[in-house]
Amino acid sequence: MSAQTAVMQENAGRAGPDLNTQALRTDARRESLRLLALLSPSLLLVFAIIIVPIGWLLWLSLFDEAGGFSAANYARFFEQASYIKTFVTTFKVAFIVTGACVLLGYPLAYMLSQLPRRAASICLIFVILPFWTSVLVRTYAWLVILQRRGLINSWLIDLGVISQPLSLANNFSGVVIGMTHILLPFLVLPLYASMKTIDTDCLRAGMNLG
């Protein structure tokens, strides 16, 4: 009788971890289903306003009015010089604005991460301040500043630096300046959040190691 009891206890001991593992898997599956249920409204919204329009444009670009496959739209893109110029200008603006944001934002984010918490909070207000103003208002403000009779040209002429107003608005330079001003906070804030979590002892150790 004691031998049978020992065998039953041994089987129960072996089955115990398996039951716990199965229970944990069941709980994990339920947790995943709950998260999916919570995310379903936002996923449906993203699908409705992003995936569906992009898919519709892709369909229009690949199929003609009769529903047959056609690459005429892409052939027209390479045949028209204006399309290629627009494509190249878009990437040129993107690269220049990205470089300008990195050159301006990385040192700013590093400086903010090294400041005391109170001083960093005050400086972050000036970084976040553009978010409180509409993009349209900021665009008109840059037009006032950069136009031929704007503040910059007026100051440069008064100082004797230039004799004729510079063309800074409604051109490539104005677009780069305005886009850099709009997108700079989007680079500074994530960099600041990452740099703030770096242990300062690691920086000191890196300096000691050269």
N, C-alpha and C. Protein backbone atom coordinates (compact mmCIF):
# COMPACT_ATOMS: atom_id res chain seq x y z
N MET A 1 0.83 -1.20 0.00
CA MET A 1 0.00 0.00 0.00
C MET A 1 0.86 1.25 0.00
N SER A 2 1.91 1.19 0.77
CA SER A 2 2.81 2.34 0.84
C SER A 2 3.51 2.55 -0.49
N ALA A 3 3.82 1.48 -1.22
CA ALA A 3 4.47 1.62 -2.52
C ALA A 3 3.53 2.28 -3.51
N GLN A 4 2.22 1.92 -3.46
CA GLN A 4 1.25 2.54 -4.37
C GLN A 4 1.10 4.02 -4.06
N THR A 5 1.11 4.35 -2.77
CA THR A 5 1.00 5.76 -2.38
C THR A 5 2.21 6.56 -2.86
N ALA A 6 3.39 5.94 -2.75
CA ALA A 6 4.60 6.62 -3.21
C ALA A 6 4.56 6.87 -4.70
N VAL A 7 4.05 5.88 -5.48
CA VAL A 7 3.94 6.06 -6.94
C VAL A 7 2.97 7.18 -7.27
N MET A 8 1.84 7.24 -6.55
CA MET A 8 0.85 8.29 -6.80
C MET A 8 1.42 9.67 -6.48
N GLN A 9 2.18 9.76 -5.38
CA GLN A 9 2.79 11.03 -5.04
C GLN A 9 3.83 11.45 -6.09
N GLU A 10 4.57 10.45 -6.59
CA GLU A 10 5.57 10.76 -7.62
C GLU A 10 4.91 11.26 -8.90
N ASN A 11 3.81 10.61 -9.30
CA ASN A 11 3.07 11.04 -10.49
C ASN A 11 2.48 12.43 -10.31
N ALA A 12 1.98 12.68 -9.09
CA ALA A 12 1.43 14.00 -8.81
C ALA A 12 2.52 15.07 -8.85
N GLY A 13 3.72 14.70 -8.34
CA GLY A 13 4.82 15.66 -8.39
C GLY A 13 5.25 15.96 -9.81
N ARG A 14 5.18 14.92 -10.68
CA ARG A 14 5.54 15.18 -12.08
C ARG A 14 4.47 16.00 -12.80
N ALA A 15 3.23 15.75 -12.46
CA ALA A 15 2.14 16.46 -13.12
C ALA A 15 2.01 17.90 -12.64
N GLY A 16 2.52 18.19 -11.43
CA GLY A 16 2.40 19.54 -10.88
C GLY A 16 3.02 20.61 -11.76
N PRO A 17 4.31 20.50 -12.16
CA PRO A 17 4.90 21.52 -13.04
C PRO A 17 4.19 21.64 -14.37
N ASP A 18 3.71 20.49 -14.92
CA ASP A 18 3.00 20.56 -16.19
C ASP A 18 1.71 21.35 -16.05
N LEU A 19 0.99 21.15 -14.93
CA LEU A 19 -0.24 21.89 -14.70
C LEU A 19 0.04 23.38 -14.53
N ASN A 20 1.12 23.71 -13.80
CA ASN A 20 1.47 25.11 -13.62
C ASN A 20 1.84 25.77 -14.94
N THR A 21 2.61 25.04 -15.76
CA THR A 21 2.99 25.59 -17.06
C THR A 21 1.78 25.82 -17.93
N GLN A 22 0.86 24.87 -17.92
CA GLN A 22 -0.36 25.03 -18.72
C GLN A 22 -1.20 26.20 -18.22
N ALA A 23 -1.28 26.35 -16.90
CA ALA A 23 -2.04 27.47 -16.34
C ALA A 23 -1.41 28.81 -16.72
N LEU A 24 -0.06 28.87 -16.68
CA LEU A 24 0.61 30.10 -17.06
C LEU A 24 0.38 30.42 -18.54
N ARG A 25 0.41 29.41 -19.37
CA ARG A 25 0.15 29.63 -20.80
C ARG A 25 -1.28 30.11 -21.02
N THR A 26 -2.21 29.54 -20.27
CA THR A 26 -3.60 29.98 -20.40
C THR A 26 -3.76 31.43 -19.97
N ASP A 27 -3.12 31.79 -18.87
CA ASP A 27 -3.19 33.19 -18.41
C ASP A 27 -2.55 34.13 -19.41
N ALA A 28 -1.42 33.70 -19.99
CA ALA A 28 -0.77 34.55 -20.98
C ALA A 28 -1.63 34.72 -22.22
N ARG A 29 -2.32 33.66 -22.62
CA ARG A 29 -3.21 33.74 -23.79
C ARG A 29 -4.38 34.67 -23.50
N ARG A 30 -4.93 34.57 -22.29
CA ARG A 30 -6.03 35.47 -21.92
C ARG A 30 -5.57 36.92 -21.88
N GLU A 31 -4.37 37.15 -21.36
CA GLU A 31 -3.84 38.52 -21.31
C GLU A 31 -3.63 39.07 -22.71
N SER A 32 -3.16 38.23 -23.63
CA SER A 32 -2.98 38.67 -25.02
C SER A 32 -4.31 39.02 -25.66
N LEU A 33 -5.34 38.22 -25.37
CA LEU A 33 -6.67 38.50 -25.92
C LEU A 33 -7.23 39.81 -25.35
N ARG A 34 -6.98 40.07 -24.06
CA ARG A 34 -7.44 41.33 -23.47
C ARG A 34 -6.74 42.52 -24.12
N LEU A 35 -5.42 42.41 -24.31
CA LEU A 35 -4.70 43.50 -24.96
C LEU A 35 -5.18 43.71 -26.38
N LEU A 36 -5.44 42.63 -27.09
CA LEU A 36 -5.95 42.75 -28.45
C LEU A 36 -7.32 43.41 -28.46
N ALA A 37 -8.15 43.09 -27.48
CA ALA A 37 -9.48 43.72 -27.39
C ALA A 37 -9.35 45.21 -27.11
N LEU A 38 -8.39 45.58 -26.26
CA LEU A 38 -8.19 46.99 -25.96
C LEU A 38 -7.63 47.75 -27.16
N LEU A 39 -6.78 47.08 -27.95
CA LEU A 39 -6.16 47.73 -29.10
C LEU A 39 -7.04 47.72 -30.33
N SER A 40 -8.08 46.93 -30.34
CA SER A 40 -8.88 46.77 -31.55
C SER A 40 -9.49 48.09 -32.05
N PRO A 41 -10.00 49.00 -31.19
CA PRO A 41 -10.52 50.26 -31.75
C PRO A 41 -9.44 51.08 -32.47
N SER A 42 -8.27 51.20 -31.87
CA SER A 42 -7.21 51.96 -32.52
C SER A 42 -6.70 51.27 -33.78
N LEU A 43 -6.63 49.94 -33.75
CA LEU A 43 -6.21 49.21 -34.95
C LEU A 43 -7.22 49.38 -36.08
N LEU A 44 -8.49 49.36 -35.75
CA LEU A 44 -9.52 49.59 -36.77
C LEU A 44 -9.42 51.00 -37.32
N LEU A 45 -9.14 51.98 -36.46
CA LEU A 45 -9.01 53.36 -36.92
C LEU A 45 -7.81 53.51 -37.86
N VAL A 46 -6.67 52.91 -37.48
CA VAL A 46 -5.49 52.96 -38.34
C VAL A 46 -5.76 52.27 -39.67
N PHE A 47 -6.46 51.16 -39.61
CA PHE A 47 -6.79 50.44 -40.85
C PHE A 47 -7.70 51.28 -41.75
N ALA A 48 -8.64 52.00 -41.13
CA ALA A 48 -9.61 52.76 -41.92
C ALA A 48 -9.00 54.02 -42.53
N ILE A 49 -8.11 54.70 -41.80
CA ILE A 49 -7.62 56.00 -42.29
C ILE A 49 -6.24 55.92 -42.92
N ILE A 50 -5.54 54.78 -42.78
CA ILE A 50 -4.20 54.67 -43.35
C ILE A 50 -4.11 53.51 -44.34
N ILE A 51 -4.41 52.32 -43.87
CA ILE A 51 -4.23 51.13 -44.72
C ILE A 51 -5.16 51.17 -45.94
N VAL A 52 -6.43 51.46 -45.70
CA VAL A 52 -7.40 51.46 -46.81
C VAL A 52 -7.07 52.53 -47.85
N PRO A 53 -6.81 53.80 -47.49
CA PRO A 53 -6.46 54.78 -48.53
C PRO A 53 -5.19 54.44 -49.29
N ILE A 54 -4.15 53.96 -48.57
CA ILE A 54 -2.91 53.61 -49.26
C ILE A 54 -3.13 52.42 -50.20
N GLY A 55 -3.90 51.43 -49.75
CA GLY A 55 -4.21 50.31 -50.62
C GLY A 55 -5.02 50.72 -51.84
N TRP A 56 -5.94 51.66 -51.64
CA TRP A 56 -6.74 52.15 -52.76
C TRP A 56 -5.87 52.88 -53.79
N LEU A 57 -4.94 53.72 -53.30
CA LEU A 57 -4.02 54.41 -54.22
C LEU A 57 -3.12 53.42 -54.94
N LEU A 58 -2.68 52.38 -54.23
CA LEU A 58 -1.85 51.36 -54.88
C LEU A 58 -2.63 50.65 -55.97
N TRP A 59 -3.91 50.35 -55.69
CA TRP A 59 -4.75 49.71 -56.70
C TRP A 59 -4.92 50.62 -57.93
N LEU A 60 -5.15 51.92 -57.70
CA LEU A 60 -5.32 52.84 -58.82
C LEU A 60 -4.05 52.98 -59.64
N SER A 61 -2.90 52.85 -58.97
CA SER A 61 -1.64 53.01 -59.71
C SER A 61 -1.29 51.79 -60.54
N LEU A 62 -1.81 50.63 -60.18
CA LEU A 62 -1.44 49.39 -60.86
C LEU A 62 -2.49 48.91 -61.85
N PHE A 63 -3.72 49.42 -61.77
CA PHE A 63 -4.79 48.93 -62.63
C PHE A 63 -5.46 50.11 -63.34
N ASP A 64 -5.85 49.88 -64.58
CA ASP A 64 -6.50 50.93 -65.35
C ASP A 64 -7.99 50.94 -65.07
N GLU A 65 -8.73 51.78 -65.84
CA GLU A 65 -10.16 51.93 -65.60
C GLU A 65 -10.92 50.64 -65.90
N ALA A 66 -10.40 49.83 -66.84
CA ALA A 66 -11.07 48.58 -67.17
C ALA A 66 -10.78 47.46 -66.17
N GLY A 67 -9.90 47.71 -65.21
CA GLY A 67 -9.57 46.70 -64.22
C GLY A 67 -8.40 45.83 -64.58
N GLY A 68 -7.75 46.13 -65.71
CA GLY A 68 -6.58 45.35 -66.11
C GLY A 68 -5.29 45.92 -65.55
N PHE A 69 -4.31 45.05 -65.38
CA PHE A 69 -3.02 45.48 -64.86
C PHE A 69 -2.32 46.39 -65.86
N SER A 70 -1.77 47.51 -65.36
CA SER A 70 -1.11 48.47 -66.24
C SER A 70 -0.04 49.21 -65.46
N ALA A 71 1.12 49.41 -66.11
CA ALA A 71 2.22 50.17 -65.51
C ALA A 71 2.35 51.55 -66.15
N ALA A 72 1.25 52.02 -66.78
CA ALA A 72 1.31 53.31 -67.48
C ALA A 72 1.56 54.47 -66.53
N ASN A 73 1.02 54.39 -65.31
CA ASN A 73 1.22 55.49 -64.36
C ASN A 73 2.69 55.62 -63.97
N TYR A 74 3.35 54.51 -63.75
CA TYR A 74 4.77 54.55 -63.38
C TYR A 74 5.62 54.95 -64.58
N ALA A 75 5.23 54.54 -65.78
CA ALA A 75 5.95 54.99 -66.97
C ALA A 75 5.80 56.49 -67.16
N ARG A 76 4.61 57.02 -66.89
CA ARG A 76 4.39 58.46 -67.00
C ARG A 76 5.24 59.22 -65.98
N PHE A 77 5.46 58.61 -64.82
CA PHE A 77 6.27 59.27 -63.80
C PHE A 77 7.70 59.50 -64.30
N PHE A 78 8.28 58.51 -64.96
CA PHE A 78 9.66 58.64 -65.44
C PHE A 78 9.74 59.44 -66.74
N GLU A 79 8.61 59.59 -67.44
CA GLU A 79 8.63 60.37 -68.67
C GLU A 79 8.51 61.86 -68.41
N GLN A 80 7.79 62.24 -67.35
CA GLN A 80 7.58 63.65 -67.05
C GLN A 80 8.71 64.18 -66.18
N ALA A 81 9.40 65.21 -66.67
CA ALA A 81 10.53 65.78 -65.91
C ALA A 81 10.06 66.46 -64.64
N SER A 82 8.83 67.00 -64.66
CA SER A 82 8.32 67.70 -63.47
C SER A 82 8.12 66.74 -62.31
N TYR A 83 7.68 65.51 -62.61
CA TYR A 83 7.50 64.52 -61.56
C TYR A 83 8.84 64.14 -60.92
N ILE A 84 9.83 63.93 -61.76
CA ILE A 84 11.15 63.56 -61.25
C ILE A 84 11.75 64.70 -60.43
N LYS A 85 11.56 65.93 -60.91
CA LYS A 85 12.08 67.08 -60.17
C LYS A 85 11.41 67.20 -58.80
N THR A 86 10.10 66.98 -58.77
CA THR A 86 9.39 67.02 -57.49
C THR A 86 9.88 65.92 -56.55
N PHE A 87 10.08 64.73 -57.09
CA PHE A 87 10.57 63.60 -56.29
C PHE A 87 11.95 63.90 -55.72
N VAL A 88 12.85 64.39 -56.55
CA VAL A 88 14.21 64.70 -56.11
C VAL A 88 14.21 65.84 -55.08
N THR A 89 13.39 66.86 -55.32
CA THR A 89 13.33 67.99 -54.39
C THR A 89 12.80 67.54 -53.03
N THR A 90 11.83 66.64 -53.04
CA THR A 90 11.28 66.14 -51.78
C THR A 90 12.36 65.44 -50.95
N PHE A 91 13.14 64.57 -51.58
CA PHE A 91 14.19 63.87 -50.85
C PHE A 91 15.31 64.82 -50.45
N LYS A 92 15.58 65.81 -51.27
CA LYS A 92 16.62 66.78 -50.93
C LYS A 92 16.22 67.56 -49.68
N VAL A 93 14.97 68.03 -49.64
CA VAL A 93 14.49 68.73 -48.46
C VAL A 93 14.53 67.82 -47.23
N ALA A 94 14.14 66.55 -47.42
CA ALA A 94 14.12 65.62 -46.30
C ALA A 94 15.51 65.41 -45.72
N PHE A 95 16.51 65.21 -46.57
CA PHE A 95 17.87 64.98 -46.08
C PHE A 95 18.45 66.23 -45.42
N ILE A 96 18.24 67.39 -46.02
CA ILE A 96 18.79 68.62 -45.46
C ILE A 96 18.13 68.95 -44.13
N VAL A 97 16.81 68.81 -44.06
CA VAL A 97 16.10 69.09 -42.80
C VAL A 97 16.53 68.10 -41.71
N THR A 98 16.69 66.84 -42.08
CA THR A 98 17.15 65.84 -41.10
C THR A 98 18.53 66.19 -40.58
N GLY A 99 19.44 66.55 -41.48
CA GLY A 99 20.78 66.93 -41.05
C GLY A 99 20.78 68.17 -40.17
N ALA A 100 19.96 69.16 -40.54
CA ALA A 100 19.89 70.38 -39.72
C ALA A 100 19.31 70.09 -38.34
N CYS A 101 18.28 69.24 -38.29
CA CYS A 101 17.69 68.89 -36.99
C CYS A 101 18.69 68.14 -36.11
N VAL A 102 19.48 67.25 -36.72
CA VAL A 102 20.49 66.52 -35.95
C VAL A 102 21.57 67.46 -35.43
N LEU A 103 22.05 68.35 -36.29
CA LEU A 103 23.11 69.27 -35.89
C LEU A 103 22.64 70.21 -34.79
N LEU A 104 21.39 70.63 -34.85
CA LEU A 104 20.88 71.55 -33.84
C LEU A 104 20.31 70.83 -32.62
N GLY A 105 19.65 69.69 -32.85
CA GLY A 105 18.94 69.04 -31.77
C GLY A 105 19.79 68.17 -30.88
N TYR A 106 20.80 67.50 -31.43
CA TYR A 106 21.62 66.61 -30.60
C TYR A 106 22.37 67.38 -29.50
N PRO A 107 23.09 68.46 -29.84
CA PRO A 107 23.74 69.21 -28.74
C PRO A 107 22.74 69.79 -27.75
N LEU A 108 21.57 70.24 -28.24
CA LEU A 108 20.56 70.78 -27.34
C LEU A 108 20.04 69.71 -26.39
N ALA A 109 19.75 68.53 -26.92
CA ALA A 109 19.26 67.45 -26.07
C ALA A 109 20.32 67.04 -25.05
N TYR A 110 21.57 66.99 -25.46
CA TYR A 110 22.64 66.61 -24.53
C TYR A 110 22.80 67.67 -23.44
N MET A 111 22.71 68.95 -23.81
CA MET A 111 22.81 70.01 -22.81
C MET A 111 21.67 69.92 -21.82
N LEU A 112 20.45 69.68 -22.31
CA LEU A 112 19.30 69.57 -21.41
C LEU A 112 19.43 68.37 -20.47
N SER A 113 20.01 67.28 -20.96
CA SER A 113 20.16 66.09 -20.10
C SER A 113 21.20 66.30 -19.01
N GLN A 114 22.13 67.24 -19.20
CA GLN A 114 23.15 67.49 -18.21
C GLN A 114 22.77 68.59 -17.21
N LEU A 115 21.71 69.33 -17.51
CA LEU A 115 21.29 70.39 -16.61
C LEU A 115 20.57 69.82 -15.39
N PRO A 116 20.52 70.56 -14.29
CA PRO A 116 19.67 70.14 -13.16
C PRO A 116 18.22 70.04 -13.58
N ARG A 117 17.45 69.27 -12.82
CA ARG A 117 16.08 68.98 -13.22
C ARG A 117 15.24 70.24 -13.38
N ARG A 118 15.39 71.19 -12.46
CA ARG A 118 14.58 72.41 -12.52
C ARG A 118 14.95 73.24 -13.75
N ALA A 119 16.24 73.41 -14.01
CA ALA A 119 16.67 74.18 -15.18
C ALA A 119 16.27 73.48 -16.47
N ALA A 120 16.38 72.15 -16.50
CA ALA A 120 15.99 71.40 -17.69
C ALA A 120 14.49 71.54 -17.95
N SER A 121 13.69 71.54 -16.90
CA SER A 121 12.24 71.68 -17.08
C SER A 121 11.90 73.05 -17.67
N ILE A 122 12.59 74.09 -17.21
CA ILE A 122 12.33 75.43 -17.75
C ILE A 122 12.73 75.51 -19.22
N CYS A 123 13.89 74.93 -19.56
CA CYS A 123 14.33 74.95 -20.95
C CYS A 123 13.44 74.11 -21.85
N LEU A 124 12.89 73.02 -21.31
CA LEU A 124 12.00 72.18 -22.11
C LEU A 124 10.71 72.90 -22.48
N ILE A 125 10.33 73.89 -21.67
CA ILE A 125 9.14 74.67 -22.01
C ILE A 125 9.33 75.36 -23.35
N PHE A 126 10.54 75.89 -23.59
CA PHE A 126 10.81 76.58 -24.86
C PHE A 126 10.87 75.59 -26.02
N VAL A 127 11.24 74.33 -25.73
CA VAL A 127 11.24 73.31 -26.79
C VAL A 127 9.83 72.90 -27.15
N ILE A 128 8.96 72.80 -26.12
CA ILE A 128 7.58 72.36 -26.34
C ILE A 128 6.70 73.51 -26.79
N LEU A 129 7.14 74.73 -26.60
CA LEU A 129 6.31 75.90 -26.91
C LEU A 129 5.76 75.91 -28.34
N PRO A 130 6.52 75.50 -29.37
CA PRO A 130 5.94 75.50 -30.73
C PRO A 130 4.72 74.59 -30.87
N PHE A 131 4.60 73.56 -30.03
CA PHE A 131 3.43 72.68 -30.12
C PHE A 131 2.15 73.40 -29.69
N TRP A 132 2.29 74.48 -28.96
CA TRP A 132 1.12 75.21 -28.50
C TRP A 132 0.59 76.17 -29.56
N THR A 133 1.30 76.29 -30.66
CA THR A 133 0.92 77.21 -31.73
C THR A 133 0.61 76.41 -32.99
N SER A 134 -0.39 76.84 -33.71
CA SER A 134 -0.78 76.15 -34.93
C SER A 134 0.34 76.23 -35.97
N VAL A 135 0.45 75.17 -36.78
CA VAL A 135 1.44 75.16 -37.86
C VAL A 135 1.18 76.29 -38.85
N LEU A 136 -0.09 76.60 -39.09
CA LEU A 136 -0.43 77.69 -40.00
C LEU A 136 0.06 79.02 -39.46
N VAL A 137 -0.11 79.25 -38.16
CA VAL A 137 0.36 80.49 -37.55
C VAL A 137 1.88 80.59 -37.63
N ARG A 138 2.56 79.47 -37.36
CA ARG A 138 4.02 79.48 -37.43
C ARG A 138 4.50 79.73 -38.86
N THR A 139 3.78 79.20 -39.84
CA THR A 139 4.17 79.41 -41.23
C THR A 139 4.05 80.88 -41.61
N TYR A 140 2.95 81.51 -41.23
CA TYR A 140 2.81 82.94 -41.51
C TYR A 140 3.83 83.78 -40.75
N ALA A 141 4.19 83.34 -39.55
CA ALA A 141 5.22 84.06 -38.79
C ALA A 141 6.56 84.01 -39.51
N TRP A 142 6.91 82.84 -40.06
CA TRP A 142 8.16 82.73 -40.82
C TRP A 142 8.10 83.56 -42.09
N LEU A 143 6.93 83.67 -42.71
CA LEU A 143 6.81 84.54 -43.89
C LEU A 143 7.07 85.99 -43.53
N VAL A 144 6.58 86.41 -42.38
CA VAL A 144 6.82 87.78 -41.93
C VAL A 144 8.31 88.00 -41.65
N ILE A 145 8.96 87.00 -41.09
CA ILE A 145 10.37 87.14 -40.73
C ILE A 145 11.27 87.08 -41.96
N LEU A 146 10.94 86.19 -42.92
CA LEU A 146 11.86 85.90 -44.02
C LEU A 146 11.57 86.67 -45.30
N GLN A 147 10.44 87.35 -45.41
CA GLN A 147 10.11 88.02 -46.66
C GLN A 147 11.11 89.15 -46.95
N ARG A 148 11.03 89.69 -48.17
CA ARG A 148 12.02 90.67 -48.62
C ARG A 148 12.05 91.91 -47.74
N ARG A 149 10.94 92.28 -47.16
CA ARG A 149 10.90 93.40 -46.22
C ARG A 149 10.69 92.91 -44.79
N GLY A 150 11.08 91.69 -44.54
CA GLY A 150 10.91 91.11 -43.21
C GLY A 150 11.98 91.55 -42.23
N LEU A 151 11.93 90.92 -41.06
CA LEU A 151 12.83 91.33 -39.98
C LEU A 151 14.29 91.05 -40.32
N ILE A 152 14.57 89.87 -40.87
CA ILE A 152 15.97 89.51 -41.12
C ILE A 152 16.58 90.41 -42.18
N ASN A 153 15.89 90.61 -43.29
CA ASN A 153 16.42 91.48 -44.33
C ASN A 153 16.55 92.92 -43.85
N SER A 154 15.58 93.37 -43.06
CA SER A 154 15.66 94.75 -42.54
C SER A 154 16.86 94.92 -41.62
N TRP A 155 17.09 93.96 -40.74
CA TRP A 155 18.24 94.04 -39.83
C TRP A 155 19.56 93.98 -40.59
N LEU A 156 19.65 93.08 -41.57
CA LEU A 156 20.90 92.95 -42.33
C LEU A 156 21.19 94.21 -43.14
N ILE A 157 20.15 94.82 -43.70
CA ILE A 157 20.35 96.07 -44.45
C ILE A 157 20.74 97.21 -43.51
N ASP A 158 20.09 97.30 -42.36
CA ASP A 158 20.42 98.35 -41.39
C ASP A 158 21.85 98.21 -40.87
N LEU A 159 22.31 96.97 -40.70
CA LEU A 159 23.68 96.74 -40.24
C LEU A 159 24.71 96.90 -41.34
N GLY A 160 24.27 97.05 -42.57
CA GLY A 160 25.19 97.19 -43.68
C GLY A 160 25.79 95.90 -44.18
N VAL A 161 25.23 94.76 -43.77
CA VAL A 161 25.76 93.47 -44.21
C VAL A 161 25.41 93.22 -45.67
N ILE A 162 24.21 93.59 -46.08
CA ILE A 162 23.76 93.41 -47.46
C ILE A 162 23.18 94.74 -47.95
N SER A 163 23.19 94.90 -49.27
CA SER A 163 22.60 96.10 -49.87
C SER A 163 21.24 95.82 -50.49
N GLN A 164 20.99 94.56 -50.91
CA GLN A 164 19.73 94.16 -51.49
C GLN A 164 19.10 93.06 -50.64
N PRO A 165 17.77 93.04 -50.53
CA PRO A 165 17.13 91.98 -49.72
C PRO A 165 17.41 90.60 -50.28
N LEU A 166 17.59 89.66 -49.38
CA LEU A 166 17.80 88.27 -49.77
C LEU A 166 16.47 87.59 -50.01
N SER A 167 16.45 86.63 -50.91
CA SER A 167 15.25 85.86 -51.20
C SER A 167 15.22 84.64 -50.27
N LEU A 168 14.51 84.77 -49.16
CA LEU A 168 14.48 83.73 -48.14
C LEU A 168 13.12 83.06 -48.00
N ALA A 169 12.08 83.63 -48.56
CA ALA A 169 10.73 83.09 -48.42
C ALA A 169 10.22 82.60 -49.77
N ASN A 170 9.26 81.66 -49.71
CA ASN A 170 8.62 81.11 -50.91
C ASN A 170 9.63 80.45 -51.84
N ASN A 171 10.65 79.83 -51.26
CA ASN A 171 11.64 79.11 -52.07
C ASN A 171 12.18 77.94 -51.25
N PHE A 172 13.24 77.31 -51.77
CA PHE A 172 13.82 76.12 -51.12
C PHE A 172 14.35 76.46 -49.72
N SER A 173 15.02 77.58 -49.58
CA SER A 173 15.60 77.97 -48.29
C SER A 173 14.51 78.18 -47.24
N GLY A 174 13.42 78.83 -47.64
CA GLY A 174 12.34 79.06 -46.69
C GLY A 174 11.68 77.77 -46.23
N VAL A 175 11.53 76.82 -47.16
CA VAL A 175 10.94 75.53 -46.81
C VAL A 175 11.82 74.80 -45.81
N VAL A 176 13.14 74.81 -46.05
CA VAL A 176 14.06 74.13 -45.14
C VAL A 176 14.02 74.75 -43.75
N ILE A 177 14.02 76.08 -43.70
CA ILE A 177 13.98 76.76 -42.39
C ILE A 177 12.68 76.45 -41.65
N GLY A 178 11.56 76.55 -42.35
CA GLY A 178 10.28 76.28 -41.70
C GLY A 178 10.14 74.83 -41.26
N MET A 179 10.55 73.88 -42.09
CA MET A 179 10.45 72.47 -41.72
C MET A 179 11.38 72.13 -40.56
N THR A 180 12.56 72.73 -40.55
CA THR A 180 13.48 72.49 -39.43
C THR A 180 12.88 72.98 -38.12
N HIS A 181 12.27 74.16 -38.16
CA HIS A 181 11.65 74.70 -36.95
C HIS A 181 10.49 73.83 -36.47
N ILE A 182 9.71 73.26 -37.41
CA ILE A 182 8.56 72.45 -37.04
C ILE A 182 8.99 71.08 -36.50
N LEU A 183 10.01 70.48 -37.11
CA LEU A 183 10.39 69.10 -36.78
C LEU A 183 11.46 68.99 -35.70
N LEU A 184 12.11 70.08 -35.36
CA LEU A 184 13.20 70.01 -34.37
C LEU A 184 12.74 69.46 -33.02
N PRO A 185 11.59 69.88 -32.47
CA PRO A 185 11.17 69.30 -31.18
C PRO A 185 10.95 67.79 -31.24
N PHE A 186 10.55 67.26 -32.39
CA PHE A 186 10.33 65.82 -32.50
C PHE A 186 11.64 65.04 -32.38
N LEU A 187 12.78 65.67 -32.62
CA LEU A 187 14.07 65.02 -32.42
C LEU A 187 14.62 65.27 -31.03
N VAL A 188 14.41 66.47 -30.50
CA VAL A 188 14.98 66.82 -29.20
C VAL A 188 14.34 66.02 -28.07
N LEU A 189 13.03 65.90 -28.08
CA LEU A 189 12.34 65.25 -26.95
C LEU A 189 12.69 63.77 -26.80
N PRO A 190 12.67 62.95 -27.87
CA PRO A 190 13.08 61.55 -27.68
C PRO A 190 14.55 61.41 -27.29
N LEU A 191 15.43 62.24 -27.88
CA LEU A 191 16.84 62.17 -27.50
C LEU A 191 17.04 62.54 -26.04
N TYR A 192 16.34 63.58 -25.59
CA TYR A 192 16.46 63.98 -24.19
C TYR A 192 15.99 62.87 -23.26
N ALA A 193 14.86 62.22 -23.61
CA ALA A 193 14.35 61.13 -22.77
C ALA A 193 15.34 59.97 -22.71
N SER A 194 16.02 59.68 -23.81
CA SER A 194 17.00 58.59 -23.81
C SER A 194 18.27 58.97 -23.06
N MET A 195 18.75 60.19 -23.29
CA MET A 195 19.99 60.62 -22.63
C MET A 195 19.80 60.77 -21.13
N LYS A 196 18.60 61.12 -20.69
CA LYS A 196 18.36 61.31 -19.27
C LYS A 196 18.46 59.99 -18.50
N THR A 197 18.21 58.87 -19.18
CA THR A 197 18.26 57.57 -18.51
C THR A 197 19.68 56.99 -18.45
N ILE A 198 20.64 57.61 -19.14
CA ILE A 198 22.01 57.11 -19.12
C ILE A 198 22.66 57.42 -17.78
N ASP A 199 23.25 56.43 -17.17
CA ASP A 199 23.92 56.62 -15.88
C ASP A 199 25.17 57.47 -16.08
N THR A 200 25.29 58.51 -15.28
CA THR A 200 26.45 59.40 -15.40
C THR A 200 27.75 58.69 -15.05
N ASP A 201 27.68 57.62 -14.26
CA ASP A 201 28.90 56.87 -13.95
C ASP A 201 29.47 56.24 -15.22
N CYS A 202 28.60 55.86 -16.16
CA CYS A 202 29.09 55.31 -17.43
C CYS A 202 29.86 56.37 -18.21
N LEU A 203 29.40 57.61 -18.16
CA LEU A 203 30.11 58.68 -18.85
C LEU A 203 31.48 58.92 -18.20
N ARG A 204 31.52 58.91 -16.88
CA ARG A 204 32.80 59.10 -16.20
C ARG A 204 33.74 57.95 -16.48
N ALA A 205 33.21 56.74 -16.50
CA ALA A 205 34.06 55.59 -16.82
C ALA A 205 34.58 55.68 -18.25
N GLY A 206 33.73 56.13 -19.18
CA GLY A 206 34.20 56.28 -20.55
C GLY A 206 35.28 57.34 -20.67
N MET A 207 35.16 58.44 -19.92
CA MET A 207 36.22 59.47 -19.93
C MET A 207 37.53 58.92 -19.37
N ASN A 208 37.43 58.14 -18.29
CA ASN A 208 38.65 57.58 -17.70
C ASN A 208 39.33 56.59 -18.65
N LEU A 209 38.53 55.89 -19.44
CA LEU A 209 39.10 54.91 -20.38
C LEU A 209 39.53 55.56 -21.69
N GLY A 210 39.30 56.83 -21.82
CA GLY A 210 39.72 57.51 -23.05
C GLY A 210 38.75 57.35 -24.18
